[in-house]
Each structure stands twice: as C-alpha cells, then as structure tokens.
C-alpha cells in the first residue's frame, strides 16, 4: 500500500482537525470577576525600569536579594509626593515602597557602575528599622535616570 494514497491523506487530515464529540463541559467552580486595585491609581509613573533589589544584612555582613522586577517612581496627582515602588516580576509582590524625601541620598555603589545605594525605613520584618538598600539595573544608562 502506498503511503500517499487518498485514504491515508484523508485520515491524516481528519486526525489534525478537532473532532466534535458533542460533549458538554461545565466548570466545577464559577468565579466572579473582581476589580483589582494596586494603590497606584491616583499616581503618575515618572520612571519604570527592570532592576534587582538588595538589602544589606548587618548581622551576616552581606547583601541579601529582596527581589527582581519592575521599579517605579510614582508621583501622586494631588499631594505631589513621590514614592519608589518595586514589585517582583512574577508574583507582583511589593518588595520596596519608600517615600522619596529630600533627606534620602541616592549614591552610586562603589562596587558596580550599574548600581545605586540609599538608606530608607523598612517595615518588611514587622518592625520599623533603618536599612541600606542597593538596586542594580541592567545597564549603566538605566541608572542615569535616577541622577
């Protein structure tokens, strides 16, 4: 029997098409659409870049990774206050949320030309404490937006 006979071609074509079996599949659970608020609705985005955030662990004397994702500078439309917000890329969990005030000094990191460091109050562990943060961008050009 030849492999390119009309019967073989029809069978191959029929196998590639979806067959209508007439089966009805009903969902086990019906989910209602939910409006999601991010807390950023009243703010304008001044900066949105990909970066990696670190926190300096004083006890271990080393940098600990806080998250990788999108870092934004957001300016509130009414109050004019600016804050730095960073969310992890896949989970969208907030890993930084700092109010940008004149007392915060962002400096270049001595160990990398793509990194910046600053001190900010942090409440991630359930208590308010002053922490040293470092953010590393993918390129030197991205870092220039902060200066």
N, C-alpha and C. Protein backbone atom coordinates (compact mmCIF):
# COMPACT_ATOMS: atom_id res chain seq x y z
N UNK A 1 0.84 -1.17 0.00
CA UNK A 1 0.00 0.00 0.00
C UNK A 1 0.89 1.23 0.00
N UNK A 2 0.61 2.20 -0.85
CA UNK A 2 1.40 3.41 -0.97
C UNK A 2 1.07 4.36 0.15
N UNK A 3 2.08 5.10 0.63
CA UNK A 3 1.86 5.98 1.77
C UNK A 3 1.12 7.25 1.40
N UNK A 4 1.09 7.62 0.12
CA UNK A 4 0.38 8.84 -0.25
C UNK A 4 -0.91 8.52 -1.00
N UNK A 5 -1.61 7.47 -0.57
CA UNK A 5 -2.90 7.14 -1.15
C UNK A 5 -3.96 8.11 -0.63
N UNK A 6 -5.07 8.32 -1.35
CA UNK A 6 -6.11 9.26 -0.90
C UNK A 6 -6.67 8.92 0.47
N UNK A 7 -6.80 7.62 0.83
CA UNK A 7 -7.33 7.24 2.14
C UNK A 7 -6.40 7.68 3.27
N UNK A 8 -5.08 7.54 3.07
CA UNK A 8 -4.10 7.94 4.10
C UNK A 8 -4.11 9.45 4.29
N UNK A 9 -4.23 10.20 3.17
CA UNK A 9 -4.25 11.65 3.26
C UNK A 9 -5.49 12.14 3.99
N UNK A 10 -6.65 11.53 3.71
CA UNK A 10 -7.89 11.93 4.39
C UNK A 10 -7.82 11.62 5.88
N UNK A 11 -7.27 10.47 6.23
CA UNK A 11 -7.14 10.09 7.64
C UNK A 11 -6.20 11.04 8.37
N UNK A 12 -5.10 11.43 7.70
CA UNK A 12 -4.16 12.35 8.31
C UNK A 12 -4.79 13.73 8.50
N UNK A 13 -5.56 14.17 7.52
CA UNK A 13 -6.23 15.47 7.62
C UNK A 13 -7.28 15.45 8.72
N UNK A 14 -8.02 14.35 8.84
CA UNK A 14 -9.05 14.25 9.86
C UNK A 14 -8.44 14.18 11.25
N UNK A 15 -7.27 13.57 11.38
CA UNK A 15 -6.61 13.46 12.69
C UNK A 15 -6.13 14.83 13.15
N UNK A 16 -5.77 15.73 12.24
CA UNK A 16 -5.29 17.06 12.60
C UNK A 16 -6.41 18.00 12.97
N UNK A 17 -7.63 17.74 12.57
CA UNK A 17 -8.76 18.62 12.87
C UNK A 17 -9.38 18.23 14.21
N UNK A 18 -10.01 19.23 14.86
CA UNK A 18 -10.71 18.94 16.11
C UNK A 18 -12.00 18.21 15.78
N UNK A 19 -12.21 17.15 16.47
CA UNK A 19 -13.41 16.35 16.24
C UNK A 19 -14.50 16.82 17.19
N UNK A 20 -15.71 17.05 16.68
CA UNK A 20 -16.82 17.49 17.52
C UNK A 20 -17.48 16.26 18.12
N UNK A 21 -17.27 16.05 19.41
CA UNK A 21 -17.81 14.88 20.07
C UNK A 21 -19.18 15.15 20.67
N UNK A 22 -19.55 16.43 20.76
CA UNK A 22 -20.85 16.77 21.33
C UNK A 22 -20.83 16.79 22.85
N UNK A 23 -19.67 16.60 23.46
CA UNK A 23 -19.56 16.58 24.92
C UNK A 23 -19.70 17.99 25.47
N UNK A 24 -20.40 18.14 26.55
CA UNK A 24 -20.58 19.43 27.22
C UNK A 24 -19.76 19.44 28.50
N UNK A 25 -18.87 20.41 28.62
CA UNK A 25 -18.03 20.51 29.82
C UNK A 25 -18.47 21.74 30.60
N UNK A 26 -18.92 21.51 31.82
CA UNK A 26 -19.32 22.63 32.66
C UNK A 26 -18.26 22.84 33.73
N UNK A 27 -17.96 24.10 34.05
CA UNK A 27 -16.95 24.36 35.08
C UNK A 27 -17.40 23.86 36.45
N UNK A 28 -16.43 23.41 37.23
CA UNK A 28 -16.72 22.94 38.58
C UNK A 28 -17.02 24.14 39.48
N UNK A 29 -16.26 25.21 39.28
CA UNK A 29 -16.43 26.41 40.09
C UNK A 29 -16.58 27.60 39.15
N UNK A 30 -17.51 28.47 39.45
CA UNK A 30 -17.64 29.70 38.67
C UNK A 30 -17.04 30.84 39.48
N UNK A 31 -16.18 31.59 38.84
CA UNK A 31 -15.50 32.70 39.51
C UNK A 31 -16.05 34.02 38.99
N UNK A 32 -16.35 34.89 39.91
CA UNK A 32 -16.82 36.22 39.53
C UNK A 32 -15.62 37.11 39.26
N UNK A 33 -15.79 38.01 38.31
CA UNK A 33 -14.71 38.95 38.01
C UNK A 33 -14.57 39.93 39.16
N UNK A 34 -13.34 40.16 39.57
CA UNK A 34 -13.05 41.01 40.71
C UNK A 34 -12.22 42.20 40.25
N UNK A 35 -12.58 43.39 40.70
CA UNK A 35 -11.80 44.58 40.39
C UNK A 35 -10.57 44.60 41.29
N UNK A 36 -9.41 44.74 40.69
CA UNK A 36 -8.16 44.73 41.44
C UNK A 36 -7.62 46.15 41.53
N UNK A 37 -7.30 46.58 42.75
CA UNK A 37 -6.70 47.89 42.93
C UNK A 37 -5.25 47.70 43.37
N UNK A 38 -4.36 48.48 42.78
CA UNK A 38 -2.94 48.36 43.08
C UNK A 38 -2.47 49.43 44.07
N UNK A 39 -3.29 50.47 44.26
CA UNK A 39 -2.87 51.59 45.09
C UNK A 39 -2.13 52.63 44.27
N UNK A 40 -1.97 52.38 42.98
CA UNK A 40 -1.26 53.29 42.10
C UNK A 40 -2.21 54.07 41.19
N UNK A 41 -3.52 53.95 41.42
CA UNK A 41 -4.50 54.57 40.53
C UNK A 41 -4.44 56.10 40.52
N UNK A 42 -4.08 56.71 41.64
CA UNK A 42 -4.05 58.17 41.76
C UNK A 42 -2.65 58.73 41.50
N UNK A 43 -1.77 57.94 40.89
CA UNK A 43 -0.38 58.36 40.70
C UNK A 43 0.03 58.26 39.24
N UNK A 44 0.96 59.12 38.85
CA UNK A 44 1.54 59.09 37.52
C UNK A 44 2.93 58.45 37.60
N UNK A 45 3.26 57.66 36.60
CA UNK A 45 4.55 56.98 36.57
C UNK A 45 5.61 57.91 35.98
N UNK A 46 6.64 58.20 36.76
CA UNK A 46 7.75 59.03 36.31
C UNK A 46 8.86 58.17 35.72
N UNK A 47 9.00 56.94 36.21
CA UNK A 47 10.07 56.05 35.80
C UNK A 47 9.59 54.61 35.97
N UNK A 48 9.91 53.75 35.02
CA UNK A 48 9.55 52.33 35.11
C UNK A 48 10.65 51.53 34.44
N UNK A 49 11.47 50.85 35.26
CA UNK A 49 12.62 50.10 34.77
C UNK A 49 12.70 48.73 35.43
N UNK A 50 13.35 47.80 34.77
CA UNK A 50 13.63 46.48 35.35
C UNK A 50 14.90 46.58 36.19
N UNK A 51 14.88 45.94 37.35
CA UNK A 51 16.04 46.01 38.24
C UNK A 51 16.01 44.85 39.24
N UNK A 52 17.09 44.77 40.01
CA UNK A 52 17.19 43.79 41.08
C UNK A 52 17.49 44.56 42.36
N UNK A 53 16.74 44.26 43.43
CA UNK A 53 16.86 44.98 44.69
C UNK A 53 17.53 44.10 45.74
N UNK A 54 18.43 44.71 46.52
CA UNK A 54 19.14 44.03 47.60
C UNK A 54 18.99 44.84 48.89
N UNK A 55 19.07 44.13 50.02
CA UNK A 55 19.09 44.75 51.35
C UNK A 55 20.36 44.28 52.05
N UNK A 56 21.03 45.20 52.73
CA UNK A 56 22.26 44.82 53.41
C UNK A 56 21.94 44.21 54.76
N UNK A 57 22.41 42.98 54.98
CA UNK A 57 22.21 42.27 56.24
C UNK A 57 23.41 42.57 57.14
N UNK A 58 23.18 43.36 58.19
CA UNK A 58 24.27 43.77 59.08
C UNK A 58 24.85 42.59 59.85
N UNK A 59 23.98 41.67 60.28
CA UNK A 59 24.44 40.52 61.06
C UNK A 59 25.34 39.61 60.24
N UNK A 60 24.96 39.34 59.00
CA UNK A 60 25.76 38.47 58.15
C UNK A 60 26.80 39.21 57.34
N UNK A 61 26.77 40.55 57.40
CA UNK A 61 27.70 41.41 56.68
C UNK A 61 27.72 41.08 55.18
N UNK A 62 26.49 40.97 54.60
CA UNK A 62 26.38 40.65 53.18
C UNK A 62 25.08 41.20 52.60
N UNK A 63 25.03 41.30 51.28
CA UNK A 63 23.84 41.75 50.59
C UNK A 63 22.89 40.57 50.40
N UNK A 64 21.60 40.78 50.72
CA UNK A 64 20.57 39.76 50.53
C UNK A 64 19.62 40.24 49.43
N UNK A 65 19.31 39.37 48.51
CA UNK A 65 18.40 39.75 47.43
C UNK A 65 16.98 39.90 47.97
N UNK A 66 16.35 41.02 47.63
CA UNK A 66 14.97 41.28 48.05
C UNK A 66 13.99 40.94 46.93
N UNK A 67 14.41 41.12 45.67
CA UNK A 67 13.52 40.80 44.57
C UNK A 67 14.03 41.32 43.24
N UNK A 68 13.47 40.77 42.17
CA UNK A 68 13.76 41.19 40.80
C UNK A 68 12.45 41.56 40.14
N UNK A 69 12.42 42.71 39.49
CA UNK A 69 11.18 43.11 38.84
C UNK A 69 11.20 44.53 38.35
N UNK A 70 10.04 45.15 38.41
CA UNK A 70 9.85 46.49 37.89
C UNK A 70 9.90 47.51 39.03
N UNK A 71 10.78 48.48 38.90
CA UNK A 71 10.88 49.56 39.88
C UNK A 71 10.27 50.82 39.25
N UNK A 72 9.43 51.50 40.02
CA UNK A 72 8.74 52.68 39.51
C UNK A 72 8.92 53.85 40.47
N UNK A 73 9.00 55.02 39.90
CA UNK A 73 8.86 56.26 40.68
C UNK A 73 7.48 56.78 40.35
N UNK A 74 6.63 56.91 41.37
CA UNK A 74 5.24 57.33 41.20
C UNK A 74 4.99 58.65 41.90
N UNK A 75 4.34 59.58 41.19
CA UNK A 75 4.03 60.89 41.76
C UNK A 75 2.52 61.01 41.92
N UNK A 76 2.09 61.30 43.14
CA UNK A 76 0.67 61.44 43.45
C UNK A 76 0.13 62.71 42.79
N UNK A 77 -1.03 62.60 42.15
CA UNK A 77 -1.60 63.73 41.40
C UNK A 77 -2.01 64.89 42.29
N UNK A 78 -2.48 64.62 43.49
CA UNK A 78 -2.97 65.69 44.38
C UNK A 78 -1.89 66.21 45.32
N UNK A 79 -1.18 65.31 46.00
CA UNK A 79 -0.22 65.75 47.01
C UNK A 79 1.15 66.06 46.42
N UNK A 80 1.47 65.51 45.25
CA UNK A 80 2.77 65.73 44.64
C UNK A 80 3.88 64.89 45.25
N UNK A 81 3.54 64.04 46.23
CA UNK A 81 4.55 63.19 46.85
C UNK A 81 5.00 62.11 45.87
N UNK A 82 6.29 61.79 45.93
CA UNK A 82 6.88 60.78 45.04
C UNK A 82 7.31 59.59 45.90
N UNK A 83 7.03 58.40 45.40
CA UNK A 83 7.48 57.20 46.11
C UNK A 83 8.10 56.23 45.13
N UNK A 84 9.01 55.42 45.64
CA UNK A 84 9.65 54.36 44.88
C UNK A 84 8.93 53.07 45.23
N UNK A 85 8.40 52.40 44.21
CA UNK A 85 7.69 51.14 44.42
C UNK A 85 8.32 50.10 43.51
N UNK A 86 8.63 48.94 44.09
CA UNK A 86 9.16 47.84 43.29
C UNK A 86 8.35 46.60 43.56
N UNK A 87 7.96 45.93 42.48
CA UNK A 87 7.19 44.69 42.57
C UNK A 87 7.98 43.56 41.92
N UNK A 88 7.90 42.38 42.53
CA UNK A 88 8.57 41.21 41.95
C UNK A 88 7.87 40.87 40.64
N UNK A 89 8.64 40.44 39.66
CA UNK A 89 8.12 40.29 38.31
C UNK A 89 7.00 39.26 38.17
N UNK A 90 7.07 38.12 38.77
CA UNK A 90 6.05 37.10 38.55
C UNK A 90 4.90 37.18 39.53
N UNK A 91 5.19 37.46 40.79
CA UNK A 91 4.14 37.47 41.81
C UNK A 91 3.51 38.84 42.01
N UNK A 92 4.17 39.90 41.53
CA UNK A 92 3.76 41.30 41.71
C UNK A 92 3.73 41.70 43.19
N UNK A 93 4.40 40.92 44.02
CA UNK A 93 4.50 41.25 45.44
C UNK A 93 5.43 42.45 45.61
N UNK A 94 5.02 43.38 46.47
CA UNK A 94 5.82 44.58 46.69
C UNK A 94 7.06 44.22 47.50
N UNK A 95 8.23 44.60 46.98
CA UNK A 95 9.48 44.36 47.72
C UNK A 95 10.12 45.67 48.16
N UNK A 96 9.60 46.81 47.70
CA UNK A 96 10.05 48.12 48.17
C UNK A 96 8.93 49.12 47.98
N UNK A 97 8.72 49.96 48.99
CA UNK A 97 7.72 51.01 48.93
C UNK A 97 8.22 52.13 49.83
N UNK A 98 9.00 53.04 49.24
CA UNK A 98 9.64 54.10 50.01
C UNK A 98 9.20 55.47 49.52
N UNK A 99 8.86 56.33 50.44
CA UNK A 99 8.57 57.71 50.12
C UNK A 99 9.90 58.40 49.81
N UNK A 100 9.96 59.09 48.68
CA UNK A 100 11.19 59.78 48.29
C UNK A 100 11.13 61.18 48.90
N UNK A 101 11.99 61.41 49.87
CA UNK A 101 12.05 62.70 50.57
C UNK A 101 13.44 63.30 50.37
N UNK A 102 13.58 64.61 50.58
CA UNK A 102 14.88 65.24 50.35
C UNK A 102 16.02 64.67 51.19
N UNK A 103 15.72 64.05 52.32
CA UNK A 103 16.78 63.51 53.17
C UNK A 103 17.37 62.21 52.64
N UNK A 104 16.68 61.55 51.69
CA UNK A 104 17.21 60.31 51.11
C UNK A 104 18.28 60.68 50.09
N UNK A 105 19.45 60.14 50.29
CA UNK A 105 20.58 60.38 49.40
C UNK A 105 20.87 59.12 48.60
N UNK A 106 20.59 59.17 47.31
CA UNK A 106 20.90 58.05 46.44
C UNK A 106 22.31 58.26 45.92
N UNK A 107 23.16 57.25 46.13
CA UNK A 107 24.56 57.35 45.73
C UNK A 107 24.93 56.18 44.83
N UNK A 108 25.95 56.39 44.01
CA UNK A 108 26.46 55.30 43.21
C UNK A 108 27.12 54.27 44.13
N UNK A 109 26.92 53.00 43.81
CA UNK A 109 27.53 51.93 44.59
C UNK A 109 28.99 51.81 44.16
N UNK A 110 29.87 51.74 45.13
CA UNK A 110 31.31 51.70 44.84
C UNK A 110 31.71 50.44 44.08
N UNK A 111 30.97 49.35 44.26
CA UNK A 111 31.36 48.08 43.65
C UNK A 111 30.84 47.86 42.24
N UNK A 112 29.88 48.69 41.76
CA UNK A 112 29.29 48.45 40.45
C UNK A 112 28.83 49.76 39.84
N UNK A 113 29.11 49.94 38.55
CA UNK A 113 28.68 51.17 37.89
C UNK A 113 27.21 51.12 37.47
N UNK A 114 26.54 49.96 37.64
CA UNK A 114 25.12 49.82 37.32
C UNK A 114 24.24 49.85 38.56
N UNK A 115 24.82 50.16 39.73
CA UNK A 115 24.08 50.07 41.00
C UNK A 115 24.06 51.39 41.75
N UNK A 116 23.02 51.55 42.57
CA UNK A 116 22.86 52.71 43.46
C UNK A 116 22.50 52.20 44.85
N UNK A 117 22.87 52.96 45.88
CA UNK A 117 22.53 52.60 47.26
C UNK A 117 21.85 53.79 47.94
N UNK A 118 21.02 53.50 48.94
CA UNK A 118 20.37 54.52 49.76
C UNK A 118 19.89 53.90 51.06
N UNK A 119 19.67 54.74 52.05
CA UNK A 119 19.09 54.33 53.34
C UNK A 119 17.62 54.69 53.33
N UNK A 120 16.79 53.81 53.88
CA UNK A 120 15.35 54.08 53.99
C UNK A 120 14.78 53.27 55.14
N UNK A 121 13.64 53.74 55.65
CA UNK A 121 12.94 52.99 56.69
C UNK A 121 12.24 51.81 56.03
N UNK A 122 12.28 50.66 56.71
CA UNK A 122 11.71 49.44 56.17
C UNK A 122 10.86 48.76 57.23
N UNK A 123 9.71 48.21 56.82
CA UNK A 123 8.80 47.55 57.75
C UNK A 123 8.53 46.10 57.32
N UNK A 124 9.39 45.54 56.45
CA UNK A 124 9.16 44.21 55.90
C UNK A 124 9.16 43.10 56.95
N UNK A 125 9.93 43.25 58.02
CA UNK A 125 10.01 42.21 59.05
C UNK A 125 9.06 42.45 60.21
N UNK A 126 8.12 43.38 60.06
CA UNK A 126 7.14 43.63 61.11
C UNK A 126 7.54 44.71 62.10
N UNK A 127 8.74 45.24 61.98
CA UNK A 127 9.16 46.35 62.83
C UNK A 127 9.87 47.38 61.95
N UNK A 128 9.67 48.64 62.29
CA UNK A 128 10.26 49.73 61.52
C UNK A 128 11.73 49.88 61.88
N UNK A 129 12.59 49.78 60.86
CA UNK A 129 14.02 49.95 61.11
C UNK A 129 14.67 50.54 59.87
N UNK A 130 15.78 51.20 60.09
CA UNK A 130 16.56 51.81 59.02
C UNK A 130 17.38 50.73 58.32
N UNK A 131 17.29 50.66 57.00
CA UNK A 131 18.01 49.64 56.22
C UNK A 131 18.79 50.30 55.10
N UNK A 132 19.81 49.63 54.64
CA UNK A 132 20.60 50.05 53.49
C UNK A 132 20.16 49.20 52.30
N UNK A 133 19.75 49.86 51.21
CA UNK A 133 19.28 49.17 50.01
C UNK A 133 20.22 49.42 48.85
N UNK A 134 20.24 48.49 47.94
CA UNK A 134 21.01 48.61 46.71
C UNK A 134 20.12 48.15 45.56
N UNK A 135 20.13 48.89 44.48
CA UNK A 135 19.38 48.49 43.29
C UNK A 135 20.35 48.40 42.13
N UNK A 136 20.24 47.30 41.38
CA UNK A 136 21.13 47.08 40.24
C UNK A 136 20.30 47.02 38.98
N UNK A 137 20.65 47.85 38.01
CA UNK A 137 19.96 47.91 36.74
C UNK A 137 20.69 47.06 35.70
N UNK A 138 20.04 46.83 34.58
CA UNK A 138 20.65 46.04 33.52
C UNK A 138 21.74 46.77 32.77
N UNK A 139 21.69 48.10 32.79
CA UNK A 139 22.71 48.86 32.07
C UNK A 139 23.03 50.14 32.83
N UNK A 140 24.16 50.74 32.50
CA UNK A 140 24.58 51.99 33.12
C UNK A 140 23.61 53.11 32.72
N UNK A 141 23.10 53.06 31.50
CA UNK A 141 22.18 54.09 31.02
C UNK A 141 20.89 54.14 31.85
N UNK A 142 20.39 52.98 32.27
CA UNK A 142 19.18 52.93 33.10
C UNK A 142 19.39 53.64 34.43
N UNK A 143 20.56 53.48 35.01
CA UNK A 143 20.88 54.10 36.30
C UNK A 143 20.87 55.62 36.19
N UNK A 144 21.21 56.15 35.04
CA UNK A 144 21.33 57.60 34.86
C UNK A 144 20.00 58.32 35.07
N UNK A 145 18.86 57.61 34.95
CA UNK A 145 17.56 58.24 35.16
C UNK A 145 17.36 58.70 36.60
N UNK A 146 18.08 58.08 37.54
CA UNK A 146 17.93 58.45 38.95
C UNK A 146 18.73 59.69 39.32
N UNK A 147 19.70 60.06 38.50
CA UNK A 147 20.57 61.19 38.83
C UNK A 147 20.25 62.40 37.99
